[in-house]
N, C-alpha and C. Protein backbone atom coordinates (compact mmCIF):
# COMPACT_ATOMS: atom_id res chain seq x y z
N MET A 1 -27.01 -55.44 -6.37
CA MET A 1 -26.13 -56.55 -6.10
C MET A 1 -24.83 -55.82 -7.07
N LYS A 2 -23.65 -55.76 -6.12
CA LYS A 2 -22.16 -55.06 -5.70
C LYS A 2 -21.26 -55.84 -5.54
N VAL A 3 -20.81 -56.27 -7.12
CA VAL A 3 -18.83 -56.45 -7.08
C VAL A 3 -18.34 -56.00 -7.54
N GLN A 4 -17.37 -56.48 -6.64
CA GLN A 4 -16.36 -55.89 -5.83
C GLN A 4 -15.33 -56.08 -7.85
N TYR A 5 -14.08 -55.98 -7.95
CA TYR A 5 -13.03 -56.16 -8.44
C TYR A 5 -11.76 -55.42 -8.65
N ARG A 6 -10.85 -56.20 -8.22
CA ARG A 6 -9.55 -55.82 -8.97
C ARG A 6 -9.15 -55.28 -10.56
N SER A 7 -8.50 -53.17 -10.23
CA SER A 7 -8.97 -52.99 -11.03
C SER A 7 -8.12 -53.24 -12.37
N ASN A 8 -6.79 -53.10 -12.04
CA ASN A 8 -5.24 -53.72 -12.74
C ASN A 8 -5.21 -55.40 -13.15
N LEU A 9 -5.18 -56.35 -11.60
CA LEU A 9 -5.81 -57.24 -12.60
C LEU A 9 -7.00 -57.61 -13.81
N SER A 10 -7.64 -57.33 -13.70
CA SER A 10 -9.03 -57.70 -14.45
C SER A 10 -8.57 -56.77 -15.57
N ALA A 11 -8.21 -55.76 -15.72
CA ALA A 11 -8.03 -55.07 -16.79
C ALA A 11 -6.87 -55.63 -17.83
N GLY A 12 -5.85 -56.10 -17.34
CA GLY A 12 -4.80 -57.23 -17.62
C GLY A 12 -5.01 -58.09 -18.25
N VAL A 13 -6.08 -59.47 -17.45
CA VAL A 13 -6.53 -60.18 -17.88
C VAL A 13 -7.24 -60.27 -19.04
N PHE A 14 -8.65 -58.74 -19.20
CA PHE A 14 -9.14 -58.70 -20.59
C PHE A 14 -7.83 -58.31 -22.03
N SER A 15 -7.05 -57.63 -21.31
CA SER A 15 -6.74 -57.09 -22.47
C SER A 15 -5.55 -58.21 -22.82
N LEU A 16 -5.23 -59.00 -22.67
CA LEU A 16 -3.94 -60.50 -22.64
C LEU A 16 -5.33 -61.14 -23.33
N ILE A 17 -5.95 -61.41 -22.85
CA ILE A 17 -7.06 -62.81 -23.53
C ILE A 17 -7.68 -61.48 -25.24
N LEU A 18 -7.65 -60.99 -25.54
CA LEU A 18 -8.05 -59.46 -26.87
C LEU A 18 -6.76 -59.67 -27.31
N ALA A 19 -5.67 -59.27 -27.07
CA ALA A 19 -4.05 -59.32 -26.85
C ALA A 19 -3.58 -60.96 -28.42
N VAL A 20 -5.01 -62.01 -27.33
CA VAL A 20 -4.32 -63.44 -28.39
C VAL A 20 -5.59 -63.09 -29.90
N ILE A 21 -6.79 -63.17 -29.25
CA ILE A 21 -7.41 -63.11 -29.89
C ILE A 21 -7.14 -62.67 -30.91
N LEU A 22 -6.75 -61.39 -30.79
CA LEU A 22 -6.81 -60.49 -32.68
C LEU A 22 -5.20 -60.82 -33.22
N PHE A 23 -4.32 -61.58 -32.09
CA PHE A 23 -3.39 -62.49 -32.39
C PHE A 23 -3.42 -62.95 -33.44
N VAL A 24 -4.64 -64.06 -33.33
CA VAL A 24 -4.84 -65.15 -34.34
C VAL A 24 -5.81 -64.90 -35.51
N LEU A 25 -7.06 -64.19 -35.00
CA LEU A 25 -7.84 -63.28 -35.72
C LEU A 25 -7.07 -62.26 -37.28
N ILE A 26 -5.90 -62.26 -36.73
CA ILE A 26 -5.57 -61.01 -37.84
C ILE A 26 -4.88 -61.63 -39.59
N PRO A 27 -4.67 -62.95 -38.67
CA PRO A 27 -4.47 -63.78 -40.95
C PRO A 27 -5.03 -63.54 -41.79
N SER A 28 -6.28 -64.68 -41.19
CA SER A 28 -7.53 -64.72 -41.37
C SER A 28 -8.68 -63.58 -41.88
N GLN A 29 -7.96 -61.93 -41.08
CA GLN A 29 -8.96 -60.85 -41.35
C GLN A 29 -8.19 -60.21 -42.94
N ILE A 30 -7.03 -60.11 -42.79
CA ILE A 30 -5.89 -59.02 -43.42
C ILE A 30 -4.78 -60.18 -44.12
N GLY A 31 -5.71 -60.28 -45.35
CA GLY A 31 -4.83 -60.39 -46.48
C GLY A 31 -2.89 -59.64 -46.39
N VAL A 32 -2.64 -60.91 -46.61
CA VAL A 32 -0.97 -60.77 -47.25
C VAL A 32 -1.06 -59.21 -48.22
N ASP A 33 0.02 -58.79 -47.80
CA ASP A 33 0.34 -58.00 -49.99
C ASP A 33 1.33 -57.81 -49.88
N THR A 34 1.56 -58.34 -51.25
CA THR A 34 1.85 -59.07 -52.48
C THR A 34 3.44 -57.60 -52.44
N GLN A 35 3.34 -57.11 -52.21
CA GLN A 35 4.61 -55.98 -52.63
C GLN A 35 4.80 -55.23 -51.38
N ALA A 36 5.06 -55.81 -50.19
CA ALA A 36 5.75 -55.48 -48.88
C ALA A 36 7.10 -54.60 -49.22
N VAL A 37 6.94 -54.34 -49.05
CA VAL A 37 8.70 -53.80 -48.39
C VAL A 37 9.52 -53.87 -47.05
N HIS A 38 10.59 -54.09 -47.09
CA HIS A 38 10.97 -54.63 -45.97
C HIS A 38 10.52 -55.01 -45.47
N GLY A 39 9.22 -56.17 -45.71
CA GLY A 39 9.02 -56.69 -45.24
C GLY A 39 7.30 -56.45 -43.67
N ILE A 40 7.56 -55.38 -44.61
CA ILE A 40 6.17 -54.52 -43.48
C ILE A 40 5.23 -55.22 -44.72
N SER A 41 4.18 -54.60 -43.80
CA SER A 41 3.42 -55.21 -44.99
C SER A 41 1.56 -54.15 -44.61
N SER A 42 0.89 -55.19 -45.01
CA SER A 42 -0.73 -54.56 -44.02
C SER A 42 -1.24 -55.18 -42.60
N ARG A 43 -0.50 -56.42 -42.40
CA ARG A 43 -0.35 -57.21 -41.18
C ARG A 43 0.30 -56.18 -40.47
N SER A 44 1.34 -55.92 -40.70
CA SER A 44 2.55 -55.18 -40.03
C SER A 44 1.75 -54.30 -38.28
N LEU A 45 1.21 -53.63 -38.73
CA LEU A 45 0.16 -52.85 -37.92
C LEU A 45 -0.78 -53.57 -36.91
N PRO A 46 -1.21 -54.24 -37.61
CA PRO A 46 -2.13 -54.49 -36.35
C PRO A 46 -1.48 -55.82 -35.31
N TYR A 47 -0.22 -56.31 -36.04
CA TYR A 47 -0.06 -57.29 -35.51
C TYR A 47 1.40 -56.24 -34.43
N GLY A 48 1.51 -55.57 -34.61
CA GLY A 48 2.48 -54.65 -33.60
C GLY A 48 1.56 -54.34 -32.12
N LEU A 49 0.32 -53.71 -32.72
CA LEU A 49 -1.04 -52.50 -32.02
C LEU A 49 -1.16 -54.05 -31.23
N SER A 50 -1.31 -55.27 -31.56
CA SER A 50 -1.77 -56.30 -30.63
C SER A 50 -0.97 -56.94 -29.45
N ALA A 51 0.12 -57.42 -29.93
CA ALA A 51 1.91 -57.21 -29.17
C ALA A 51 1.67 -56.05 -27.83
N LEU A 52 1.69 -54.46 -28.42
CA LEU A 52 1.27 -53.90 -27.33
C LEU A 52 -0.20 -53.86 -26.11
N MET A 53 -0.84 -54.36 -27.07
CA MET A 53 -1.74 -54.71 -25.83
C MET A 53 -1.75 -55.38 -25.06
N GLY A 54 -0.81 -56.72 -25.11
CA GLY A 54 -0.25 -58.03 -25.48
C GLY A 54 0.46 -57.25 -24.05
N VAL A 55 1.15 -56.95 -23.94
CA VAL A 55 2.81 -55.91 -23.66
C VAL A 55 1.90 -55.56 -22.30
N CYS A 56 1.06 -54.18 -23.20
CA CYS A 56 0.73 -53.42 -21.18
C CYS A 56 -0.29 -53.99 -20.25
N GLY A 57 -0.74 -54.86 -20.94
CA GLY A 57 -1.54 -56.63 -20.34
C GLY A 57 -1.15 -58.01 -18.84
N ILE A 58 0.37 -57.34 -19.91
CA ILE A 58 1.61 -58.01 -18.58
C ILE A 58 2.31 -57.33 -17.63
N GLY A 59 1.82 -55.79 -18.55
CA GLY A 59 2.39 -55.15 -17.17
C GLY A 59 1.12 -54.51 -16.06
N LEU A 60 -0.13 -55.03 -16.62
CA LEU A 60 -0.67 -54.15 -15.84
C LEU A 60 -0.87 -56.22 -15.09
N LEU A 61 -1.35 -56.81 -15.24
CA LEU A 61 -0.59 -58.25 -14.45
C LEU A 61 0.80 -57.63 -13.93
N PHE A 62 1.39 -57.23 -13.66
CA PHE A 62 2.98 -56.93 -13.27
C PHE A 62 2.31 -56.20 -11.53
N GLN A 63 2.08 -55.52 -12.01
CA GLN A 63 1.49 -54.56 -11.07
C GLN A 63 0.44 -54.88 -9.71
N SER A 64 -0.18 -55.55 -10.00
CA SER A 64 -1.25 -56.09 -9.44
C SER A 64 -0.80 -57.38 -9.01
N LEU A 65 0.75 -57.91 -9.42
CA LEU A 65 0.20 -59.42 -9.18
C LEU A 65 1.95 -59.28 -8.10
N VAL A 66 2.80 -58.66 -8.22
CA VAL A 66 3.98 -58.44 -7.10
C VAL A 66 3.93 -57.39 -7.46
N LEU A 67 3.42 -56.25 -7.64
CA LEU A 67 3.74 -54.70 -6.41
C LEU A 67 2.74 -54.75 -5.89
N LYS A 68 1.69 -54.89 -6.46
CA LYS A 68 0.22 -55.11 -5.23
C LYS A 68 -0.57 -54.02 -5.74
N LYS A 69 -0.57 -52.94 -6.28
CA LYS A 69 -0.36 -51.67 -7.21
C LYS A 69 -1.79 -52.18 -7.58
N ASP A 70 -3.09 -52.25 -7.00
CA ASP A 70 -4.58 -52.22 -7.23
C ASP A 70 -5.53 -51.68 -6.69
N LYS A 71 -5.59 -51.56 -7.17
CA LYS A 71 -7.92 -50.75 -6.07
C LYS A 71 -8.63 -51.59 -6.28
N VAL A 72 -9.58 -52.39 -4.94
CA VAL A 72 -10.96 -52.71 -5.27
C VAL A 72 -11.25 -51.58 -5.83
N LYS A 73 -12.48 -52.16 -6.87
CA LYS A 73 -13.35 -51.10 -7.20
C LYS A 73 -15.23 -51.74 -7.54
N GLU A 74 -15.67 -50.68 -6.80
CA GLU A 74 -17.49 -51.89 -6.56
C GLU A 74 -18.16 -51.31 -8.40
N LEU A 75 -19.15 -52.31 -7.96
CA LEU A 75 -19.53 -52.38 -9.42
C LEU A 75 -21.39 -53.02 -9.11
N ASN A 76 -21.89 -51.62 -9.47
CA ASN A 76 -23.35 -52.04 -8.85
C ASN A 76 -23.77 -52.18 -10.60
N LEU A 77 -25.07 -53.24 -10.46
CA LEU A 77 -24.77 -54.23 -11.34
C LEU A 77 -25.88 -53.99 -11.80
N LYS A 78 -27.16 -53.82 -10.64
CA LYS A 78 -27.93 -52.44 -10.74
C LYS A 78 -28.33 -51.47 -11.34
N ASN A 79 -27.63 -50.57 -11.15
CA ASN A 79 -27.10 -49.07 -12.32
C ASN A 79 -27.02 -49.95 -13.48
N GLU A 80 -25.78 -50.59 -14.21
CA GLU A 80 -25.28 -50.89 -15.33
C GLU A 80 -26.43 -51.13 -16.30
N GLY A 81 -27.11 -51.84 -16.27
CA GLY A 81 -28.64 -52.75 -16.25
C GLY A 81 -28.92 -51.93 -17.81
N LYS A 82 -28.81 -50.30 -17.29
CA LYS A 82 -29.43 -50.11 -19.46
C LYS A 82 -28.82 -49.67 -19.98
N GLY A 83 -27.21 -49.41 -19.14
CA GLY A 83 -26.29 -49.65 -20.96
C GLY A 83 -26.37 -51.14 -20.57
N VAL A 84 -26.14 -52.19 -20.74
CA VAL A 84 -26.34 -53.19 -20.92
C VAL A 84 -27.41 -53.71 -22.16
N LEU A 85 -28.57 -53.10 -21.90
CA LEU A 85 -29.16 -52.80 -22.04
C LEU A 85 -29.66 -52.47 -23.47
N TYR A 86 -28.98 -51.00 -24.13
CA TYR A 86 -27.68 -50.16 -24.42
C TYR A 86 -27.56 -51.03 -25.77
N MET A 87 -25.86 -51.63 -25.03
CA MET A 87 -24.61 -52.44 -26.10
C MET A 87 -25.72 -53.32 -26.71
N ILE A 88 -27.06 -53.86 -26.25
CA ILE A 88 -28.48 -54.98 -26.50
C ILE A 88 -27.84 -54.38 -27.93
N CYS A 89 -29.28 -53.40 -27.79
CA CYS A 89 -29.56 -52.91 -29.20
C CYS A 89 -28.67 -52.45 -29.57
N LEU A 90 -27.36 -51.76 -29.82
CA LEU A 90 -26.48 -51.53 -30.35
C LEU A 90 -26.09 -52.62 -31.30
N LEU A 91 -25.72 -54.06 -30.49
CA LEU A 91 -25.22 -55.68 -31.29
C LEU A 91 -26.66 -55.45 -32.10
N ALA A 92 -28.30 -55.36 -31.96
CA ALA A 92 -29.00 -55.55 -32.33
C ALA A 92 -29.06 -54.49 -34.16
N TYR A 93 -28.13 -53.63 -33.92
CA TYR A 93 -28.43 -52.86 -35.09
C TYR A 93 -27.78 -53.27 -35.45
N GLY A 94 -26.46 -54.11 -35.50
CA GLY A 94 -25.28 -53.86 -35.93
C GLY A 94 -25.59 -54.83 -36.50
N ILE A 95 -26.81 -55.92 -36.62
CA ILE A 95 -26.60 -57.87 -37.21
C ILE A 95 -27.82 -56.87 -37.66
N GLY A 96 -28.80 -55.45 -37.86
CA GLY A 96 -29.88 -55.79 -38.56
C GLY A 96 -29.93 -54.09 -39.60
N PHE A 97 -27.70 -54.05 -39.73
CA PHE A 97 -28.03 -53.46 -40.46
C PHE A 97 -27.06 -53.69 -41.95
N ASN A 98 -27.29 -55.31 -42.07
CA ASN A 98 -26.42 -56.05 -42.60
C ASN A 98 -28.34 -56.29 -43.61
N TYR A 99 -29.48 -56.45 -43.20
CA TYR A 99 -30.06 -56.66 -44.37
C TYR A 99 -30.91 -54.80 -44.78
N SER A 100 -31.06 -53.95 -43.68
CA SER A 100 -31.85 -52.73 -44.55
C SER A 100 -31.07 -51.82 -43.40
N PHE A 101 -30.45 -50.34 -44.16
CA PHE A 101 -29.81 -49.58 -43.42
C PHE A 101 -31.25 -48.83 -43.01
N LEU A 102 -32.38 -48.35 -43.47
CA LEU A 102 -32.28 -47.97 -43.71
C LEU A 102 -33.63 -47.69 -42.68
N ILE A 103 -33.97 -49.04 -42.31
CA ILE A 103 -35.14 -49.61 -41.48
C ILE A 103 -34.29 -49.86 -39.36
N SER A 104 -32.78 -50.40 -39.51
CA SER A 104 -31.88 -50.56 -38.59
C SER A 104 -31.61 -48.38 -37.99
N THR A 105 -31.63 -48.19 -39.07
CA THR A 105 -30.39 -46.49 -38.75
C THR A 105 -32.37 -46.11 -38.15
N SER A 106 -32.80 -45.97 -38.75
CA SER A 106 -33.94 -44.91 -38.10
C SER A 106 -34.29 -45.62 -37.18
N LEU A 107 -34.70 -47.43 -36.47
CA LEU A 107 -35.31 -48.12 -35.76
C LEU A 107 -33.40 -47.52 -34.60
N PHE A 108 -32.76 -47.12 -34.57
CA PHE A 108 -31.58 -47.34 -33.45
C PHE A 108 -32.16 -46.32 -32.90
N GLY A 109 -31.69 -45.28 -33.95
CA GLY A 109 -31.89 -43.79 -33.53
C GLY A 109 -33.48 -43.10 -32.90
N ILE A 110 -34.48 -43.66 -33.48
CA ILE A 110 -35.73 -44.14 -32.55
C ILE A 110 -35.15 -44.23 -31.09
N ILE A 111 -35.24 -45.90 -31.17
CA ILE A 111 -34.61 -45.76 -29.15
C ILE A 111 -33.50 -45.28 -28.61
N THR A 112 -32.64 -44.75 -29.79
CA THR A 112 -31.91 -43.55 -28.21
C THR A 112 -32.80 -42.98 -28.35
N LEU A 113 -33.23 -42.15 -28.75
CA LEU A 113 -34.04 -40.63 -28.55
C LEU A 113 -34.71 -41.62 -26.58
N ALA A 114 -35.30 -42.87 -26.81
CA ALA A 114 -36.16 -43.68 -26.14
C ALA A 114 -35.36 -43.64 -24.87
N PHE A 115 -34.64 -43.66 -24.59
CA PHE A 115 -33.25 -44.17 -23.95
C PHE A 115 -32.98 -42.93 -22.97
N THR A 116 -32.77 -41.97 -24.09
CA THR A 116 -32.88 -40.39 -23.18
C THR A 116 -34.07 -39.92 -22.54
N ARG A 117 -35.09 -40.20 -22.76
CA ARG A 117 -36.34 -39.96 -22.88
C ARG A 117 -37.23 -39.24 -23.11
N CYS A 118 -36.66 -39.13 -24.12
CA CYS A 118 -36.93 -37.44 -25.28
C CYS A 118 -38.87 -37.82 -25.47
N LYS A 119 -39.62 -36.98 -25.16
CA LYS A 119 -40.47 -36.68 -24.81
C LYS A 119 -41.12 -35.92 -26.37
N LYS A 120 -40.25 -34.69 -26.88
CA LYS A 120 -40.69 -33.94 -28.17
C LYS A 120 -40.59 -35.47 -29.52
N VAL A 121 -41.58 -35.35 -29.90
CA VAL A 121 -42.82 -36.76 -31.22
C VAL A 121 -41.32 -35.84 -32.87
N ALA A 122 -41.68 -34.42 -32.97
CA ALA A 122 -40.75 -34.04 -33.78
C ALA A 122 -39.10 -34.21 -33.76
N TYR A 123 -38.82 -34.91 -32.64
CA TYR A 123 -37.46 -35.20 -32.62
C TYR A 123 -37.52 -36.07 -33.32
N TYR A 124 -37.95 -37.70 -32.90
CA TYR A 124 -38.18 -38.40 -33.93
C TYR A 124 -38.41 -37.91 -35.60
N VAL A 125 -39.39 -38.05 -35.67
CA VAL A 125 -39.93 -37.29 -36.65
C VAL A 125 -38.94 -36.62 -37.46
N ILE A 126 -37.31 -35.85 -37.19
CA ILE A 126 -36.59 -35.47 -38.39
C ILE A 126 -36.24 -36.87 -37.99
N VAL A 127 -35.05 -37.09 -37.15
CA VAL A 127 -34.29 -38.72 -37.04
C VAL A 127 -34.91 -39.10 -37.93
N VAL A 128 -35.77 -40.01 -38.53
CA VAL A 128 -36.42 -40.40 -39.59
C VAL A 128 -35.84 -40.08 -41.28
N ALA A 129 -36.67 -38.48 -40.85
CA ALA A 129 -36.21 -37.98 -41.96
C ALA A 129 -34.66 -37.93 -42.22
N VAL A 130 -33.73 -37.14 -41.57
CA VAL A 130 -32.66 -37.71 -41.86
C VAL A 130 -31.77 -38.88 -42.20
N VAL A 131 -32.23 -40.30 -41.62
CA VAL A 131 -32.07 -41.21 -42.58
C VAL A 131 -32.00 -41.60 -43.02
N THR A 132 -33.70 -41.39 -43.86
CA THR A 132 -34.64 -41.79 -44.57
C THR A 132 -33.14 -40.68 -45.93
N VAL A 133 -33.78 -39.78 -46.18
CA VAL A 133 -32.73 -38.08 -46.48
C VAL A 133 -30.72 -38.96 -47.04
N LEU A 134 -30.64 -39.21 -45.82
CA LEU A 134 -29.00 -39.31 -45.93
C LEU A 134 -29.02 -40.86 -46.97
N TYR A 135 -30.46 -41.47 -47.16
CA TYR A 135 -30.53 -42.67 -47.75
C TYR A 135 -29.75 -42.97 -49.44
N PHE A 136 -31.23 -41.59 -49.60
CA PHE A 136 -31.61 -41.82 -51.01
C PHE A 136 -30.15 -40.69 -51.45
N THR A 137 -29.27 -39.70 -50.48
CA THR A 137 -28.57 -39.75 -51.21
C THR A 137 -27.73 -40.32 -51.61
N PHE A 138 -27.35 -41.19 -50.36
CA PHE A 138 -26.44 -42.07 -51.21
C PHE A 138 -26.50 -43.32 -52.12
N THR A 139 -27.78 -43.57 -51.64
CA THR A 139 -27.88 -45.24 -53.08
C THR A 139 -28.23 -44.13 -54.48
N GLN A 140 -29.83 -42.69 -54.45
CA GLN A 140 -29.79 -42.59 -55.87
C GLN A 140 -28.34 -41.06 -56.86
N LEU A 141 -28.01 -40.70 -55.23
CA LEU A 141 -27.30 -39.49 -56.10
C LEU A 141 -25.85 -40.22 -55.85
N LEU A 142 -24.71 -41.09 -55.13
CA LEU A 142 -23.34 -41.04 -55.37
C LEU A 142 -23.90 -42.03 -55.61
N HIS A 143 -24.96 -43.28 -55.99
CA HIS A 143 -24.22 -44.64 -56.57
C HIS A 143 -23.72 -45.12 -55.28
N VAL A 144 -23.90 -45.68 -54.07
CA VAL A 144 -23.62 -46.01 -52.79
C VAL A 144 -24.39 -47.18 -52.90
N ARG A 145 -24.13 -48.69 -52.57
CA ARG A 145 -24.39 -50.11 -52.77
C ARG A 145 -24.81 -50.15 -50.74
N LEU A 146 -26.08 -49.75 -49.93
CA LEU A 146 -26.15 -49.72 -49.31
C LEU A 146 -27.72 -51.25 -49.19
N PRO A 147 -26.77 -52.06 -47.85
CA PRO A 147 -28.17 -52.99 -47.29
C PRO A 147 -29.86 -52.03 -47.50
């Protein structure tokens, strides 16, 4: 199945939606700095970046709708299935990371090797060994608390 889309229009809409979402989320995610200097606080940079993203989105929409400078591109969904599946694995890794660093990172490394169709068993063993060494290095030597 193939989907056609206009590149500037879709990128402009996406960046505007993302800018609004960021603008709304910033107060709940970033605390107010009580020692702000001349009105610059810890929220200034994120607000500026989300505003810049919104302005760029408006520029892309202007190019697409008013200036008619837009390319129609085609996306073959059949070819993109593997990428979507990998993104789902990345999301599952992020969720699993909250429960166990050792297990989730080892599984994600194994899944990544499987996606690249790696046939050497030694690579799988190396991934698990490196993750285990890193885990014990951080938890036992550096005293960093990992899930």
